């Protein structure tokens, strides 16, 4: 769903593309029109530790962003990440290295 670029990695948050935005709308009924950030909890696929994902829009242009707590411990430049719901409907983040 997302490929982590050097620019994304150097920032504290990740740009939310259309595919990821649609996933959160379709699967978690996220409302992007809200001006307040929304936090979702789940797990990292690689180690089952707690995942905390904050979705928000930037002030001004209203660009969609994702902030993942402690993400730089697990995700690096050129990695791919994908959100999905596991069989228990728990938000899960999968990482693959290129």
C-alpha atoms as a PDB file:
ATOM      1  CA  UNK A   1       0.000   0.000   0.000  1.00  0.00           C
ATOM      2  CA  UNK A   2       2.795   2.452   0.866  1.00  0.00           C
ATOM      3  CA  UNK A   3       6.421   2.586  -0.154  1.00  0.00           C
ATOM      4  CA  UNK A   4       8.512   4.527   2.332  1.00  0.00           C
ATOM      5  CA  UNK A   5      10.589   7.201   0.633  1.00  0.00           C
ATOM      6  CA  UNK A   6      13.567   9.032   2.069  1.00  0.00           C
ATOM      7  CA  UNK A   7      11.441  12.196   2.388  1.00  0.00           C
ATOM      8  CA  UNK A   8       8.745  10.327   4.335  1.00  0.00           C
ATOM      9  CA  UNK A   9      11.359   8.736   6.573  1.00  0.00           C
ATOM     10  CA  UNK A  10      12.924  12.086   7.415  1.00  0.00           C
ATOM     11  CA  UNK A  11       9.543  13.461   8.537  1.00  0.00           C
ATOM     12  CA  UNK A  12       7.681  12.388  11.652  1.00  0.00           C
ATOM     13  CA  UNK A  13       4.616  11.349   9.662  1.00  0.00           C
ATOM     14  CA  UNK A  14       3.770   9.583   6.420  1.00  0.00           C
ATOM     15  CA  UNK A  15       1.747  10.926   3.483  1.00  0.00           C
ATOM     16  CA  UNK A  16      -1.511   9.023   3.153  1.00  0.00           C
ATOM     17  CA  UNK A  17      -2.125   7.851  -0.401  1.00  0.00           C
ATOM     18  CA  UNK A  18      -5.569   7.148  -1.916  1.00  0.00           C
ATOM     19  CA  UNK A  19      -5.336   3.396  -1.344  1.00  0.00           C
ATOM     20  CA  UNK A  20      -4.567   3.746   2.368  1.00  0.00           C
ATOM     21  CA  UNK A  21      -7.190   6.456   2.791  1.00  0.00           C
ATOM     22  CA  UNK A  22      -9.793   4.185   1.158  1.00  0.00           C
ATOM     23  CA  UNK A  23      -8.787   1.265   3.413  1.00  0.00           C
ATOM     24  CA  UNK A  24      -9.443   3.319   6.549  1.00  0.00           C
ATOM     25  CA  UNK A  25     -12.753   4.609   5.160  1.00  0.00           C
ATOM     26  CA  UNK A  26     -13.989   1.196   3.964  1.00  0.00           C
ATOM     27  CA  UNK A  27     -12.686  -1.051   6.746  1.00  0.00           C
ATOM     28  CA  UNK A  28     -12.710   1.209   9.822  1.00  0.00           C
ATOM     29  CA  UNK A  29     -15.300   3.797   8.731  1.00  0.00           C
ATOM     30  CA  UNK A  30     -12.830   6.617   9.263  1.00  0.00           C
ATOM     31  CA  UNK A  31     -14.224  10.115   8.751  1.00  0.00           C
ATOM     32  CA  UNK A  32     -11.604  12.289   7.055  1.00  0.00           C
ATOM     33  CA  UNK A  33     -13.827  15.370   7.391  1.00  0.00           C
ATOM     34  CA  UNK A  34     -13.080  15.584  11.117  1.00  0.00           C
ATOM     35  CA  UNK A  35     -10.598  18.276  12.118  1.00  0.00           C
ATOM     36  CA  UNK A  36      -9.458  16.223  15.116  1.00  0.00           C
ATOM     37  CA  UNK A  37      -6.904  13.391  14.848  1.00  0.00           C
ATOM     38  CA  UNK A  38      -8.201   9.840  15.235  1.00  0.00           C
ATOM     39  CA  UNK A  39      -6.139   7.102  16.876  1.00  0.00           C
ATOM     40  CA  UNK A  40      -6.498   3.428  15.984  1.00  0.00           C
ATOM     41  CA  UNK A  41      -4.853   0.562  17.835  1.00  0.00           C
ATOM     42  CA  UNK A  42      -3.763  -2.764  16.451  1.00  0.00           C
ATOM     43  CA  UNK A  43      -0.595  -4.827  16.157  1.00  0.00           C
ATOM     44  CA  UNK A  44       2.614  -5.138  14.171  1.00  0.00           C
ATOM     45  CA  UNK A  45       2.499  -8.334  12.093  1.00  0.00           C
ATOM     46  CA  UNK A  46       6.210  -9.006  12.646  1.00  0.00           C
ATOM     47  CA  UNK A  47       6.146  -9.174  16.440  1.00  0.00           C
ATOM     48  CA  UNK A  48       2.538  -8.767  17.677  1.00  0.00           C
ATOM     49  CA  UNK A  49       3.488  -5.684  19.718  1.00  0.00           C
ATOM     50  CA  UNK A  50       0.955  -2.880  20.060  1.00  0.00           C
ATOM     51  CA  UNK A  51       0.453  -0.632  17.053  1.00  0.00           C
ATOM     52  CA  UNK A  52      -0.791   2.935  17.429  1.00  0.00           C
ATOM     53  CA  UNK A  53      -1.810   4.769  14.263  1.00  0.00           C
ATOM     54  CA  UNK A  54      -2.949   8.392  14.238  1.00  0.00           C
ATOM     55  CA  UNK A  55      -4.769   9.760  11.180  1.00  0.00           C
ATOM     56  CA  UNK A  56      -5.048  13.498  10.715  1.00  0.00           C
ATOM     57  CA  UNK A  57      -5.214  16.301   8.171  1.00  0.00           C
ATOM     58  CA  UNK A  58      -2.640  19.090   7.982  1.00  0.00           C
ATOM     59  CA  UNK A  59      -3.650  22.621   8.806  1.00  0.00           C
ATOM     60  CA  UNK A  60      -4.024  24.793   5.744  1.00  0.00           C
ATOM     61  CA  UNK A  61      -4.211  22.450   2.727  1.00  0.00           C
ATOM     62  CA  UNK A  62      -5.777  19.568   4.630  1.00  0.00           C
ATOM     63  CA  UNK A  63      -3.385  16.899   3.348  1.00  0.00           C
ATOM     64  CA  UNK A  64      -4.020  13.452   4.833  1.00  0.00           C
ATOM     65  CA  UNK A  65      -1.247  12.104   7.063  1.00  0.00           C
ATOM     66  CA  UNK A  66      -0.485   9.005   9.114  1.00  0.00           C
ATOM     67  CA  UNK A  67       1.584   8.966  12.265  1.00  0.00           C
ATOM     68  CA  UNK A  68       2.679   5.547  13.546  1.00  0.00           C
ATOM     69  CA  UNK A  69       4.108   5.416  17.058  1.00  0.00           C
ATOM     70  CA  UNK A  70       7.720   4.143  17.127  1.00  0.00           C
ATOM     71  CA  UNK A  71       7.614   3.372  13.403  1.00  0.00           C
ATOM     72  CA  UNK A  72      11.296   4.054  12.776  1.00  0.00           C
ATOM     73  CA  UNK A  73      12.183   1.051  14.957  1.00  0.00           C
ATOM     74  CA  UNK A  74      10.631  -1.261  12.364  1.00  0.00           C
ATOM     75  CA  UNK A  75      10.290   0.588   9.043  1.00  0.00           C
ATOM     76  CA  UNK A  76      13.112   1.958   6.889  1.00  0.00           C
ATOM     77  CA  UNK A  77      13.567   3.771   3.557  1.00  0.00           C
ATOM     78  CA  UNK A  78      12.368   1.645   0.598  1.00  0.00           C
ATOM     79  CA  UNK A  79      10.320  -0.664   2.820  1.00  0.00           C
ATOM     80  CA  UNK A  80       6.738  -1.321   1.862  1.00  0.00           C
ATOM     81  CA  UNK A  81       3.950  -1.283   4.426  1.00  0.00           C
ATOM     82  CA  UNK A  82       0.386  -2.514   4.252  1.00  0.00           C
ATOM     83  CA  UNK A  83      -2.519  -2.172   6.653  1.00  0.00           C
ATOM     84  CA  UNK A  84      -5.085  -4.945   6.849  1.00  0.00           C
ATOM     85  CA  UNK A  85      -7.602  -6.462   9.239  1.00  0.00           C
ATOM     86  CA  UNK A  86      -6.614  -9.903  10.468  1.00  0.00           C
ATOM     87  CA  UNK A  87      -9.108 -12.749  10.925  1.00  0.00           C
ATOM     88  CA  UNK A  88     -10.100 -11.260  14.303  1.00  0.00           C
ATOM     89  CA  UNK A  89     -10.709  -7.869  12.630  1.00  0.00           C
ATOM     90  CA  UNK A  90      -7.681  -6.373  14.374  1.00  0.00           C
ATOM     91  CA  UNK A  91      -5.811  -3.631  12.537  1.00  0.00           C
ATOM     92  CA  UNK A  92      -2.444  -5.077  11.519  1.00  0.00           C
ATOM     93  CA  UNK A  93       0.580  -3.544   9.829  1.00  0.00           C
ATOM     94  CA  UNK A  94       2.721  -5.698   7.578  1.00  0.00           C
ATOM     95  CA  UNK A  95       6.216  -4.641   6.452  1.00  0.00           C
ATOM     96  CA  UNK A  96       8.245  -5.994   3.568  1.00  0.00           C
ATOM     97  CA  UNK A  97      11.774  -5.101   2.591  1.00  0.00           C
ATOM     98  CA  UNK A  98      12.806  -4.551  -0.996  1.00  0.00           C
END
